[in-house]
N, C-alpha and C. Protein backbone atom coordinates (compact mmCIF):
# COMPACT_ATOMS: atom_id res chain seq x y z
N MET A 1 124.80 5.24 60.56
CA MET A 1 125.21 6.39 60.10
C MET A 1 123.97 7.46 60.29
N THR A 2 123.95 8.41 60.90
CA THR A 2 122.73 9.22 61.21
C THR A 2 122.42 10.09 59.65
N PRO A 3 121.09 9.77 59.24
CA PRO A 3 120.90 10.60 58.07
C PRO A 3 121.20 11.93 57.99
N ALA A 4 121.32 12.82 56.99
CA ALA A 4 121.38 13.98 56.99
C ALA A 4 121.13 14.78 55.71
N LEU A 5 120.87 16.09 55.69
CA LEU A 5 120.44 16.76 54.64
C LEU A 5 121.91 17.81 54.26
N LEU A 6 121.92 17.74 53.14
CA LEU A 6 123.42 18.64 52.61
C LEU A 6 122.69 19.68 51.55
N SER A 7 122.57 20.97 52.15
CA SER A 7 121.94 22.15 51.30
C SER A 7 123.09 22.12 50.09
N LEU A 8 122.33 22.06 49.25
CA LEU A 8 122.89 22.19 47.54
C LEU A 8 123.21 23.72 47.20
N SER A 9 122.30 24.51 48.07
CA SER A 9 122.71 26.08 48.00
C SER A 9 123.94 26.16 48.41
N ALA A 10 124.41 26.13 49.53
CA ALA A 10 125.65 26.54 50.18
C ALA A 10 126.96 25.79 49.15
N LEU A 11 126.61 24.49 48.66
CA LEU A 11 127.65 24.06 47.98
C LEU A 11 127.98 24.94 46.53
N LEU A 12 126.64 24.84 45.83
CA LEU A 12 126.77 25.50 44.62
C LEU A 12 127.38 27.08 44.69
N THR A 13 126.96 27.83 46.00
CA THR A 13 127.49 28.95 45.83
C THR A 13 129.19 28.85 46.38
N ALA A 14 129.74 27.94 46.99
CA ALA A 14 130.90 27.69 47.30
C ALA A 14 131.97 27.60 46.24
N SER A 15 131.42 26.93 45.19
CA SER A 15 132.35 26.02 44.35
C SER A 15 131.52 26.12 42.77
N VAL A 16 130.40 25.40 42.47
CA VAL A 16 130.20 25.07 41.33
C VAL A 16 129.93 26.01 40.41
N LEU A 17 128.77 27.12 40.74
CA LEU A 17 128.43 28.13 40.14
C LEU A 17 129.40 29.07 39.17
N ALA A 18 130.48 28.80 39.84
CA ALA A 18 131.92 29.84 39.41
C ALA A 18 132.17 28.80 38.13
N ALA A 19 132.12 27.59 38.09
CA ALA A 19 132.78 26.77 36.57
C ALA A 19 131.46 26.22 36.08
N PRO A 20 130.89 26.73 35.19
CA PRO A 20 129.59 26.03 34.24
C PRO A 20 130.35 24.83 33.62
N ALA A 21 129.66 24.03 33.54
CA ALA A 21 129.87 22.74 32.71
C ALA A 21 130.10 23.07 30.88
N ALA A 22 131.22 22.64 30.18
CA ALA A 22 131.48 22.71 29.11
C ALA A 22 130.26 22.42 28.24
N GLY A 23 129.75 23.48 27.34
CA GLY A 23 128.54 23.12 26.52
C GLY A 23 127.36 22.94 27.10
N ALA A 24 127.25 23.43 28.68
CA ALA A 24 126.18 23.70 29.23
C ALA A 24 125.63 25.01 28.86
N ALA A 25 124.00 25.54 29.11
CA ALA A 25 123.59 26.43 29.07
C ALA A 25 123.87 27.49 29.98
N PRO A 26 124.26 28.58 29.34
CA PRO A 26 125.09 29.66 30.17
C PRO A 26 124.24 30.04 31.38
N HIS A 27 124.93 30.47 32.41
CA HIS A 27 123.73 30.66 33.63
C HIS A 27 123.30 32.35 33.13
N ASP A 28 123.76 33.05 32.51
CA ASP A 28 123.34 34.29 32.52
C ASP A 28 122.10 34.24 31.22
N ALA A 29 121.63 33.54 30.76
CA ALA A 29 120.83 33.06 29.49
C ALA A 29 119.37 33.10 30.26
N ARG A 30 119.03 34.09 30.62
CA ARG A 30 117.64 34.17 31.30
C ARG A 30 116.43 34.48 30.41
N PRO A 31 115.06 33.92 29.98
CA PRO A 31 114.34 33.89 29.28
C PRO A 31 113.65 35.03 29.80
N ALA A 32 112.56 35.43 29.08
CA ALA A 32 111.44 36.38 29.39
C ALA A 32 110.47 35.94 30.73
N GLY A 33 110.54 36.99 31.47
CA GLY A 33 109.84 36.42 32.91
C GLY A 33 110.59 35.97 33.84
N VAL A 34 112.07 35.31 33.65
CA VAL A 34 113.04 35.29 34.44
C VAL A 34 113.49 36.75 35.27
N PRO A 35 113.28 36.66 36.62
CA PRO A 35 113.96 37.85 37.11
C PRO A 35 115.57 38.00 37.30
N ALA A 36 115.84 39.31 37.27
CA ALA A 36 117.28 39.22 37.57
C ALA A 36 117.78 38.55 39.06
N GLY A 37 118.91 37.95 38.95
CA GLY A 37 119.33 37.42 40.13
C GLY A 37 119.07 35.81 40.29
N TRP A 38 118.25 35.19 38.99
CA TRP A 38 117.97 34.10 39.14
C TRP A 38 118.77 33.59 37.63
N GLU A 39 119.53 32.42 38.08
CA GLU A 39 120.46 31.88 37.05
C GLU A 39 120.34 30.36 36.92
N ARG A 40 120.11 29.96 35.48
CA ARG A 40 119.78 28.51 35.13
C ARG A 40 121.04 27.69 35.78
N VAL A 41 120.60 26.48 36.21
CA VAL A 41 121.59 25.64 37.05
C VAL A 41 121.68 24.53 35.92
N ALA A 42 122.74 24.24 35.29
CA ALA A 42 122.96 23.06 34.05
C ALA A 42 123.48 21.63 34.89
N GLY A 43 123.44 20.65 34.17
CA GLY A 43 123.52 19.39 34.60
C GLY A 43 124.66 19.15 35.42
N ASP A 44 125.89 19.43 35.39
CA ASP A 44 127.14 19.20 35.95
C ASP A 44 126.91 19.82 37.42
N ASP A 45 126.36 21.50 37.25
CA ASP A 45 126.24 22.12 38.55
C ASP A 45 125.53 21.09 39.68
N LEU A 46 124.74 20.54 39.20
CA LEU A 46 123.38 19.92 40.06
C LEU A 46 124.37 18.33 40.75
N THR A 47 124.41 17.75 39.38
CA THR A 47 124.93 16.28 39.50
C THR A 47 126.49 16.23 40.37
N HIS A 48 127.17 17.20 40.36
CA HIS A 48 128.40 17.08 40.97
C HIS A 48 128.70 17.42 42.25
N ILE A 49 127.50 17.86 42.99
CA ILE A 49 127.55 18.23 44.19
C ILE A 49 127.63 17.16 45.34
N THR A 50 128.70 16.76 45.98
CA THR A 50 128.80 15.80 46.61
C THR A 50 129.78 16.52 47.95
N GLY A 51 130.00 15.48 48.92
CA GLY A 51 130.67 16.09 50.16
C GLY A 51 130.32 16.72 51.05
N ALA A 52 130.91 17.58 51.73
CA ALA A 52 130.44 18.00 53.27
C ALA A 52 129.95 19.43 52.92
N SER A 53 128.74 20.07 53.89
CA SER A 53 128.40 21.30 53.52
C SER A 53 128.29 21.90 54.74
N ASP A 54 128.37 23.36 54.91
CA ASP A 54 128.46 24.33 56.25
C ASP A 54 127.02 24.36 56.55
N ARG A 55 126.16 23.80 55.95
CA ARG A 55 124.52 23.91 56.57
C ARG A 55 123.89 22.50 56.86
N PRO A 56 124.62 21.54 57.39
CA PRO A 56 124.11 20.25 57.71
C PRO A 56 123.03 20.27 58.44
N GLN A 57 122.08 19.43 58.41
CA GLN A 57 120.75 19.34 59.00
C GLN A 57 120.41 17.83 59.55
N SER A 58 120.29 17.31 60.87
CA SER A 58 119.88 16.34 61.22
C SER A 58 118.61 15.64 60.44
N LEU A 59 118.70 14.42 59.95
CA LEU A 59 117.32 13.85 59.45
C LEU A 59 116.92 12.71 60.03
N PRO A 60 115.96 12.88 60.93
CA PRO A 60 115.59 11.49 61.28
C PRO A 60 114.86 10.65 60.52
N GLY A 61 114.73 9.49 61.02
CA GLY A 61 114.16 8.72 60.30
C GLY A 61 114.66 7.99 59.16
N ALA A 62 114.19 7.14 58.06
CA ALA A 62 114.64 6.51 57.09
C ALA A 62 115.02 7.26 55.84
N ALA A 63 116.53 7.40 55.35
CA ALA A 63 116.61 8.28 54.41
C ALA A 63 117.51 7.32 53.39
N ARG A 64 117.91 7.88 52.16
CA ARG A 64 118.55 6.98 51.22
C ARG A 64 119.62 7.72 50.76
N SER A 65 120.78 7.11 50.65
CA SER A 65 121.94 7.76 49.65
C SER A 65 122.45 6.97 48.67
N ALA A 66 122.97 7.69 47.52
CA ALA A 66 123.28 7.02 46.27
C ALA A 66 124.16 7.81 45.55
N ALA A 67 125.00 7.04 45.17
CA ALA A 67 126.13 7.63 43.98
C ALA A 67 125.37 8.28 42.59
N ALA A 68 125.73 9.39 42.64
CA ALA A 68 125.21 9.99 41.21
C ALA A 68 125.94 9.58 40.04
N PRO A 69 124.64 8.72 39.27
CA PRO A 69 125.29 8.77 37.82
C PRO A 69 125.39 9.97 37.02
N ALA A 70 126.00 9.77 36.07
CA ALA A 70 126.39 10.99 34.97
C ALA A 70 125.14 12.05 34.49
N ASP A 71 124.22 11.07 34.55
CA ASP A 71 123.03 12.37 34.14
C ASP A 71 122.03 12.37 34.92
N GLU A 72 122.34 12.04 36.41
CA GLU A 72 121.45 12.54 37.16
C GLU A 72 121.73 12.66 38.64
N SER A 73 121.05 13.28 39.59
CA SER A 73 121.29 13.39 41.10
C SER A 73 121.22 12.31 41.73
N GLY A 74 121.78 12.30 43.05
CA GLY A 74 121.40 11.23 44.24
C GLY A 74 120.10 12.07 44.51
N PRO A 75 119.64 11.32 45.54
CA PRO A 75 118.00 11.66 46.27
C PRO A 75 118.19 13.39 46.83
N VAL A 76 117.09 13.75 46.61
CA VAL A 76 117.16 15.36 46.68
C VAL A 76 115.78 15.62 47.29
N ALA A 77 115.72 16.14 48.38
CA ALA A 77 114.78 16.86 49.16
C ALA A 77 114.40 18.24 48.87
N ILE A 78 113.15 18.48 48.42
CA ILE A 78 112.49 19.92 47.99
C ILE A 78 111.87 20.42 49.43
N ASN A 79 112.38 21.60 50.06
CA ASN A 79 111.76 22.13 50.84
C ASN A 79 111.39 23.52 50.59
N SER A 80 110.01 23.90 51.00
CA SER A 80 109.29 24.98 50.46
C SER A 80 109.60 26.13 51.30
N VAL A 81 110.26 27.22 51.10
CA VAL A 81 110.62 28.48 51.70
C VAL A 81 108.98 29.16 52.52
N ARG A 82 107.97 29.14 51.78
CA ARG A 82 106.74 29.37 52.11
C ARG A 82 106.46 28.90 53.56
N ASN A 83 106.58 27.34 53.47
CA ASN A 83 105.98 26.99 54.90
C ASN A 83 106.99 26.28 55.54
N GLY A 84 108.10 25.97 55.04
CA GLY A 84 109.28 25.10 55.79
C GLY A 84 109.00 23.92 55.68
N LYS A 85 108.26 23.03 54.83
CA LYS A 85 108.27 22.08 54.75
C LYS A 85 108.71 20.88 53.64
N PHE A 86 108.90 20.03 53.76
CA PHE A 86 109.39 18.93 52.72
C PHE A 86 108.36 18.63 51.75
N THR A 87 108.37 18.53 50.22
CA THR A 87 107.55 18.00 49.35
C THR A 87 107.42 16.37 49.34
N ALA A 88 106.29 15.93 49.68
CA ALA A 88 105.88 14.39 49.41
C ALA A 88 105.12 14.15 48.09
N ALA A 89 105.22 13.07 47.61
CA ALA A 89 104.46 12.56 46.31
C ALA A 89 103.55 11.73 47.07
N GLU A 90 102.12 12.12 46.91
CA GLU A 90 101.01 11.28 47.72
C GLU A 90 100.58 10.30 46.58
N VAL A 91 101.32 9.08 46.94
CA VAL A 91 101.31 8.09 45.80
C VAL A 91 99.84 7.40 46.79
N ASN A 92 99.53 7.45 47.65
CA ASN A 92 98.05 6.86 47.98
C ASN A 92 96.84 7.72 47.62
N TYR A 93 96.91 8.89 47.08
CA TYR A 93 95.94 9.72 46.77
C TYR A 93 95.26 8.85 45.63
N PRO A 94 93.82 8.82 45.60
CA PRO A 94 93.03 8.20 44.34
C PRO A 94 93.08 8.99 43.22
N ALA A 95 92.89 8.55 42.04
CA ALA A 95 92.83 9.23 40.81
C ALA A 95 91.47 10.40 41.24
N PRO A 96 91.88 11.36 40.22
CA PRO A 96 93.10 11.86 39.30
C PRO A 96 94.27 12.59 40.19
N ASN A 97 94.35 12.40 41.24
CA ASN A 97 95.26 13.20 42.02
C ASN A 97 96.42 12.40 42.50
N THR A 98 96.30 11.16 42.18
CA THR A 98 97.44 10.14 42.39
C THR A 98 98.92 10.85 42.31
N GLY A 99 99.72 10.81 43.26
CA GLY A 99 101.05 11.27 43.01
C GLY A 99 101.45 12.62 42.95
N ALA A 100 100.32 13.42 43.43
CA ALA A 100 100.45 14.81 43.44
C ALA A 100 101.31 15.20 44.61
N LEU A 101 102.07 16.37 44.44
CA LEU A 101 103.35 16.76 44.98
C LEU A 101 102.74 17.86 46.00
N ARG A 102 103.02 17.79 47.24
CA ARG A 102 102.63 18.39 48.48
C ARG A 102 103.65 18.85 49.12
N ALA A 103 103.84 20.15 49.63
CA ALA A 103 104.77 20.69 50.67
C ALA A 103 104.60 20.26 51.93
N ARG A 104 104.15 19.22 52.70
CA ARG A 104 103.71 19.09 53.65
C ARG A 104 104.45 18.22 55.00
N SER A 105 105.63 17.60 54.87
CA SER A 105 106.17 17.09 55.52
C SER A 105 107.39 17.59 56.53
N ALA A 106 107.16 17.24 57.69
CA ALA A 106 108.20 18.07 58.66
C ALA A 106 109.56 17.75 58.45
N GLN A 107 109.86 16.41 58.19
CA GLN A 107 111.14 15.60 57.91
C GLN A 107 111.17 14.93 56.80
N VAL A 108 112.46 14.63 56.13
CA VAL A 108 112.12 13.40 55.17
C VAL A 108 112.33 12.10 55.74
N GLY A 109 111.23 11.61 55.71
CA GLY A 109 111.10 10.39 56.40
C GLY A 109 111.29 8.90 55.32
N GLY A 110 111.38 9.35 54.21
CA GLY A 110 112.17 7.91 53.40
C GLY A 110 111.49 8.52 51.96
N ALA A 111 111.09 7.33 51.03
CA ALA A 111 111.12 7.77 49.67
C ALA A 111 109.81 8.75 49.05
N TRP A 112 108.90 8.95 50.18
CA TRP A 112 108.08 9.81 49.82
C TRP A 112 108.62 11.14 49.58
N GLU A 113 109.65 11.48 50.35
CA GLU A 113 110.18 13.06 49.93
C GLU A 113 111.48 13.08 49.35
N SER A 114 111.45 11.73 48.77
CA SER A 114 112.88 11.76 48.24
C SER A 114 112.80 11.94 46.32
N PHE A 115 113.63 12.72 45.69
CA PHE A 115 113.23 13.00 44.30
C PHE A 115 114.74 12.83 43.54
N ALA A 116 114.91 12.56 42.65
CA ALA A 116 116.10 12.54 41.56
C ALA A 116 115.84 13.37 40.42
N PHE A 117 116.72 14.34 40.21
CA PHE A 117 116.97 15.33 39.22
C PHE A 117 117.51 14.90 38.10
N GLU A 118 117.25 14.61 37.07
CA GLU A 118 117.88 13.87 36.04
C GLU A 118 117.86 15.04 34.89
N TRP A 119 119.37 15.12 34.14
CA TRP A 119 119.48 16.19 33.27
C TRP A 119 119.62 15.69 31.81
N ASP A 120 118.96 16.21 30.90
CA ASP A 120 118.79 16.06 29.72
C ASP A 120 119.88 16.92 28.63
N GLU A 121 120.93 16.54 28.31
CA GLU A 121 121.65 17.41 27.55
C GLU A 121 121.05 18.14 26.47
N ALA A 122 120.30 17.51 25.76
CA ALA A 122 119.52 17.60 24.16
C ALA A 122 118.70 18.95 24.44
N SER A 123 118.15 19.02 25.80
CA SER A 123 117.34 20.02 25.98
C SER A 123 117.45 21.09 26.85
N ASP A 124 118.73 20.74 27.69
CA ASP A 124 119.12 21.49 28.73
C ASP A 124 118.32 21.74 29.82
N THR A 125 117.41 20.44 29.83
CA THR A 125 116.29 20.54 31.03
C THR A 125 116.56 19.48 32.22
N TYR A 126 115.60 19.51 33.24
CA TYR A 126 115.55 18.31 34.29
C TYR A 126 114.27 17.90 34.03
N ALA A 127 114.27 16.37 34.43
CA ALA A 127 113.31 15.61 34.53
C ALA A 127 113.25 15.13 36.04
N ILE A 128 112.11 15.37 36.86
CA ILE A 128 112.18 15.19 38.11
C ILE A 128 111.46 13.82 38.59
N LYS A 129 111.97 12.86 39.25
CA LYS A 129 111.66 11.49 39.13
C LYS A 129 111.34 11.50 40.93
N SER A 130 109.98 10.89 41.18
CA SER A 130 109.85 10.43 42.58
C SER A 130 110.41 9.31 42.79
N LEU A 131 111.22 9.22 43.88
CA LEU A 131 111.69 7.97 44.44
C LEU A 131 110.68 6.90 45.20
N ALA A 132 109.59 7.62 45.21
CA ALA A 132 108.08 6.95 46.08
C ALA A 132 107.61 5.81 45.11
N ASN A 133 107.53 6.10 43.98
CA ASN A 133 106.98 5.40 42.72
C ASN A 133 107.49 5.29 41.63
N ASN A 134 108.49 5.87 41.44
CA ASN A 134 109.44 5.67 40.20
C ASN A 134 109.03 6.25 38.92
N ARG A 135 108.27 7.45 39.16
CA ARG A 135 107.33 7.89 38.15
C ARG A 135 107.83 9.40 38.05
N TYR A 136 107.94 9.99 36.84
CA TYR A 136 108.51 11.30 36.41
C TYR A 136 107.35 12.34 36.91
N VAL A 137 107.74 13.44 37.28
CA VAL A 137 106.76 14.48 37.49
C VAL A 137 106.29 15.07 36.45
N ALA A 138 105.05 15.08 36.13
CA ALA A 138 104.49 15.91 35.08
C ALA A 138 103.54 17.08 35.56
N VAL A 139 103.34 18.13 34.64
CA VAL A 139 102.56 19.36 34.88
C VAL A 139 101.39 19.30 34.03
N GLU A 140 100.32 19.03 35.13
CA GLU A 140 98.90 18.58 34.38
C GLU A 140 98.20 20.04 34.25
N LYS A 141 98.58 20.31 32.88
CA LYS A 141 97.96 21.65 32.21
C LYS A 141 96.59 21.34 31.70
N ASN A 142 96.16 20.11 31.57
CA ASN A 142 94.62 19.96 31.09
C ASN A 142 93.72 20.01 32.02
N PHE A 143 94.22 19.66 33.37
CA PHE A 143 93.38 19.87 34.88
C PHE A 143 92.68 21.21 34.68
N THR A 144 91.66 21.36 35.40
CA THR A 144 90.84 22.67 35.41
C THR A 144 90.85 22.87 36.75
N GLY A 145 90.40 24.30 37.00
CA GLY A 145 90.19 24.89 38.32
C GLY A 145 91.33 24.81 39.10
N GLN A 146 91.42 24.91 40.13
CA GLN A 146 92.38 24.94 41.33
C GLN A 146 93.41 24.02 41.00
N ALA A 147 93.21 22.91 40.37
CA ALA A 147 94.07 21.98 40.00
C ALA A 147 94.99 22.06 38.97
N GLN A 148 94.53 22.70 38.04
CA GLN A 148 95.03 23.00 36.88
C GLN A 148 96.80 23.45 36.96
N ASN A 149 97.69 22.79 36.18
CA ASN A 149 99.10 23.03 36.26
C ASN A 149 99.58 22.30 37.51
N THR A 150 98.78 21.27 38.33
CA THR A 150 99.51 20.74 39.19
C THR A 150 100.52 19.82 38.72
N LEU A 151 101.51 19.36 39.96
CA LEU A 151 102.58 18.76 39.71
C LEU A 151 102.21 17.35 40.05
N ARG A 152 102.53 16.27 39.38
CA ARG A 152 102.35 15.13 39.71
C ARG A 152 103.34 14.02 39.25
N ALA A 153 103.45 13.19 40.00
CA ALA A 153 104.37 12.04 39.61
C ALA A 153 103.70 10.80 39.19
N ARG A 154 103.66 10.78 37.87
CA ARG A 154 102.84 9.63 37.13
C ARG A 154 103.01 9.17 35.70
N SER A 155 104.24 9.98 35.52
CA SER A 155 104.75 9.31 33.98
C SER A 155 105.97 8.59 34.15
N THR A 156 105.55 7.49 33.01
CA THR A 156 106.62 6.55 33.04
C THR A 156 107.98 6.85 32.10
N THR A 157 107.74 7.90 31.35
CA THR A 157 108.96 8.37 30.67
C THR A 157 108.78 10.01 30.67
N ALA A 158 109.96 10.79 30.40
CA ALA A 158 110.05 12.19 30.47
C ALA A 158 109.75 12.78 29.11
N GLY A 159 108.68 13.66 28.96
CA GLY A 159 108.54 14.11 27.75
C GLY A 159 108.44 15.71 27.74
N GLY A 160 107.53 16.44 27.11
CA GLY A 160 107.46 17.79 27.31
C GLY A 160 106.69 18.10 28.51
N TRP A 161 105.92 17.35 28.88
CA TRP A 161 105.13 17.59 30.30
C TRP A 161 105.92 17.78 31.61
N GLU A 162 107.04 16.59 31.37
CA GLU A 162 108.08 16.67 32.50
C GLU A 162 109.24 17.00 32.60
N ARG A 163 109.19 18.39 31.58
CA ARG A 163 110.65 19.02 31.60
C ARG A 163 110.53 20.29 32.33
N PHE A 164 111.51 20.57 33.34
CA PHE A 164 111.72 21.62 34.11
C PHE A 164 113.19 22.16 34.26
N GLU A 165 113.14 23.43 33.92
CA GLU A 165 114.40 24.40 34.43
C GLU A 165 114.58 24.63 35.95
N VAL A 166 115.96 24.59 36.13
CA VAL A 166 116.28 24.75 37.72
C VAL A 166 117.21 26.09 37.70
N TYR A 167 116.37 27.14 38.66
CA TYR A 167 116.98 28.19 38.96
C TYR A 167 117.49 28.60 39.94
N HIS A 168 118.76 29.10 40.33
CA HIS A 168 119.45 29.42 41.64
C HIS A 168 119.70 30.87 41.83
N ASN A 169 119.53 31.49 42.94
CA ASN A 169 119.74 32.89 43.31
C ASN A 169 120.74 32.91 44.27
N GLU A 170 121.76 33.24 44.11
CA GLU A 170 123.25 33.28 44.68
C GLU A 170 122.69 34.04 46.04
N ASP A 171 122.38 35.18 46.01
CA ASP A 171 122.04 36.03 47.15
C ASP A 171 121.24 35.54 48.19
N LEU A 172 120.22 34.69 47.92
CA LEU A 172 119.07 34.37 48.42
C LEU A 172 119.29 32.53 49.14
N ASN A 173 120.37 32.16 48.28
CA ASN A 173 120.76 30.60 48.33
C ASN A 173 119.55 29.89 48.20
N LEU A 174 118.49 30.07 47.43
CA LEU A 174 117.55 29.55 47.13
C LEU A 174 117.32 29.05 45.67
N TYR A 175 116.09 28.26 45.22
CA TYR A 175 115.86 27.77 43.93
C TYR A 175 114.34 27.97 43.51
N ALA A 176 114.44 28.02 42.06
CA ALA A 176 112.96 28.00 41.71
C ALA A 176 113.17 27.09 40.65
N LEU A 177 111.58 26.36 40.55
CA LEU A 177 111.85 25.19 39.20
C LEU A 177 110.50 26.15 38.33
N ARG A 178 111.00 25.95 36.81
CA ARG A 178 110.00 26.48 35.90
C ARG A 178 109.65 25.28 35.02
N SER A 179 108.46 25.29 34.79
CA SER A 179 108.09 24.20 33.75
C SER A 179 108.55 24.80 32.25
N THR A 180 108.96 23.72 31.32
CA THR A 180 108.90 24.49 29.95
C THR A 180 107.77 23.98 29.17
N LEU A 181 106.84 23.22 29.58
CA LEU A 181 105.45 23.25 29.13
C LEU A 181 104.59 24.45 28.98
N ASN A 182 104.97 25.14 30.13
CA ASN A 182 103.88 26.43 30.23
C ASN A 182 104.81 27.61 30.27
N ASN A 183 106.08 27.42 30.73
CA ASN A 183 106.78 28.80 31.19
C ASN A 183 106.41 29.17 32.32
N LEU A 184 106.03 28.74 33.01
CA LEU A 184 105.77 29.20 34.31
C LEU A 184 106.43 28.63 35.48
N PHE A 185 106.56 29.42 36.56
CA PHE A 185 107.41 28.79 37.83
C PHE A 185 106.31 28.11 38.83
N VAL A 186 107.02 27.14 39.32
CA VAL A 186 106.43 26.37 40.24
C VAL A 186 106.22 26.90 41.87
N ALA A 187 104.77 27.11 41.95
CA ALA A 187 104.50 27.88 43.26
C ALA A 187 103.74 26.86 44.51
N MET A 188 103.91 26.69 45.74
CA MET A 188 103.43 26.07 46.67
C MET A 188 102.01 26.83 46.98
N GLU A 189 100.82 26.01 47.03
CA GLU A 189 99.56 26.66 47.33
C GLU A 189 99.33 26.64 48.75
N ASN A 190 100.06 27.80 49.56
CA ASN A 190 99.68 27.66 51.24
C ASN A 190 98.44 27.87 51.17
N SER A 191 97.52 28.65 50.81
CA SER A 191 96.12 29.01 51.12
C SER A 191 95.11 27.94 50.95
N TYR A 192 95.60 27.00 49.93
CA TYR A 192 94.55 26.07 49.75
C TYR A 192 94.15 25.35 50.84
N THR A 193 92.75 24.61 50.79
CA THR A 193 92.59 23.75 52.07
C THR A 193 92.21 22.55 51.12
N GLY A 194 92.03 21.61 52.05
CA GLY A 194 91.49 20.04 51.67
C GLY A 194 92.77 19.31 51.27
N SER A 195 92.60 18.45 50.24
CA SER A 195 93.37 17.40 49.92
C SER A 195 94.70 18.06 48.90
N LEU A 196 94.17 19.09 48.39
CA LEU A 196 95.53 20.01 47.42
C LEU A 196 96.13 20.97 48.54
N GLN A 197 96.06 21.15 49.76
CA GLN A 197 96.78 21.91 50.18
C GLN A 197 98.27 21.70 50.21
N TYR A 198 98.83 22.69 50.11
CA TYR A 198 100.42 22.85 50.00
C TYR A 198 100.72 22.08 48.44
N THR A 199 100.08 22.26 47.64
CA THR A 199 100.34 21.28 46.56
C THR A 199 101.17 22.12 45.66
N LEU A 200 101.97 21.63 44.92
CA LEU A 200 102.69 22.50 43.93
C LEU A 200 102.20 22.70 42.58
N ARG A 201 102.26 23.67 41.92
CA ARG A 201 101.60 24.06 40.84
C ARG A 201 102.56 24.96 39.89
N ALA A 202 102.65 24.79 38.59
CA ALA A 202 103.29 25.22 37.83
C ALA A 202 102.65 26.57 37.05
N ARG A 203 102.31 27.61 37.98
CA ARG A 203 101.55 28.70 37.81
C ARG A 203 101.71 30.28 37.79
N SER A 204 103.14 30.48 38.12
CA SER A 204 103.49 31.85 38.47
C SER A 204 104.07 32.17 37.20
N ALA A 205 104.03 33.45 36.95
CA ALA A 205 104.75 33.92 35.79
C ALA A 205 106.23 34.73 35.97
N ASP A 206 106.39 34.85 37.68
CA ASP A 206 107.81 35.39 38.07
C ASP A 206 107.83 34.64 38.93
N VAL A 207 109.18 34.89 39.79
CA VAL A 207 109.27 34.39 41.32
C VAL A 207 108.92 35.82 42.27
N THR A 208 108.10 35.68 42.51
CA THR A 208 107.51 36.93 43.27
C THR A 208 107.76 37.12 44.97
N GLY A 209 108.18 35.59 45.26
CA GLY A 209 108.26 35.69 46.78
C GLY A 209 108.53 34.23 47.24
N SER A 210 108.27 34.03 48.59
CA SER A 210 108.49 32.38 49.20
C SER A 210 107.59 31.40 48.56
N TRP A 211 106.27 32.01 47.87
CA TRP A 211 105.39 30.83 47.33
C TRP A 211 106.50 30.14 46.07
N GLU A 212 107.48 30.71 45.32
CA GLU A 212 108.11 30.25 44.31
C GLU A 212 109.46 29.61 44.79
N GLN A 213 109.80 29.77 46.13
CA GLN A 213 111.18 29.76 46.47
C GLN A 213 111.29 28.46 47.12
N PHE A 214 112.39 27.63 46.89
CA PHE A 214 112.73 26.36 47.37
C PHE A 214 114.11 25.98 47.76
N ASP A 215 114.32 25.12 49.05
CA ASP A 215 115.73 24.96 49.18
C ASP A 215 115.63 23.65 48.58
N LEU A 216 116.63 23.11 48.03
CA LEU A 216 117.21 21.60 47.68
C LEU A 216 118.17 21.22 48.51
N TYR A 217 118.20 20.04 48.80
CA TYR A 217 119.21 19.27 49.96
C TYR A 217 119.30 17.83 49.31
N ASN A 218 120.49 17.55 48.97
CA ASN A 218 120.93 16.05 48.75
C ASN A 218 120.80 15.31 50.45
N ILE A 219 119.98 14.19 50.26
CA ILE A 219 119.85 13.18 51.34
C ILE A 219 121.07 12.17 51.66
N VAL A 220 121.74 12.13 52.36
CA VAL A 220 123.12 11.18 52.72
C VAL A 220 122.68 10.67 54.00
N GLY A 221 123.60 9.56 54.06
CA GLY A 221 123.50 8.94 55.43
C GLY A 221 123.03 7.72 55.21
């Protein structure tokens, strides 16, 4: 079977956002700094997305598929709107940047670009796990300079550094990720150079444009 990407945006727009899960955070509960039009995506909204989409894309190379357990999604690819590239976990980077997330892949070639979004009912947040090294993505709040708040797949458990809110804009059919550690949105650093070019950082107070906008795809096939 030829691997493919299924747009979560199209599936959410078609069915899921109209019926929030019982007990989940209401979609219109936007904290300060969240612009109008961006609504919280609760656990059942993401985990129950299966089946066909009207926006399939061929996905050459090795990719994974899996049934989604009750508390997490199947493999997901994160595509930056800013540069059209898929996010990879740089597991071969030397310390201290091992596992840094960068939107640098033209296609999903395997586990490097594959992530699981795990829902936590108690905190109404997601933990994001890289399937390249089975580590949770943390926000490096204590890093300094341009590396501050870099997203890195480096944690074996999910605590406060590893918690995110997911927002969806129905009009744009796009997503934004917000760290609950510093209450800032994740941006893709398109203008960086060197090893951290296209790195993902939780550093924006608002969703100001394509830097903070992403498309999420289920990896199937």
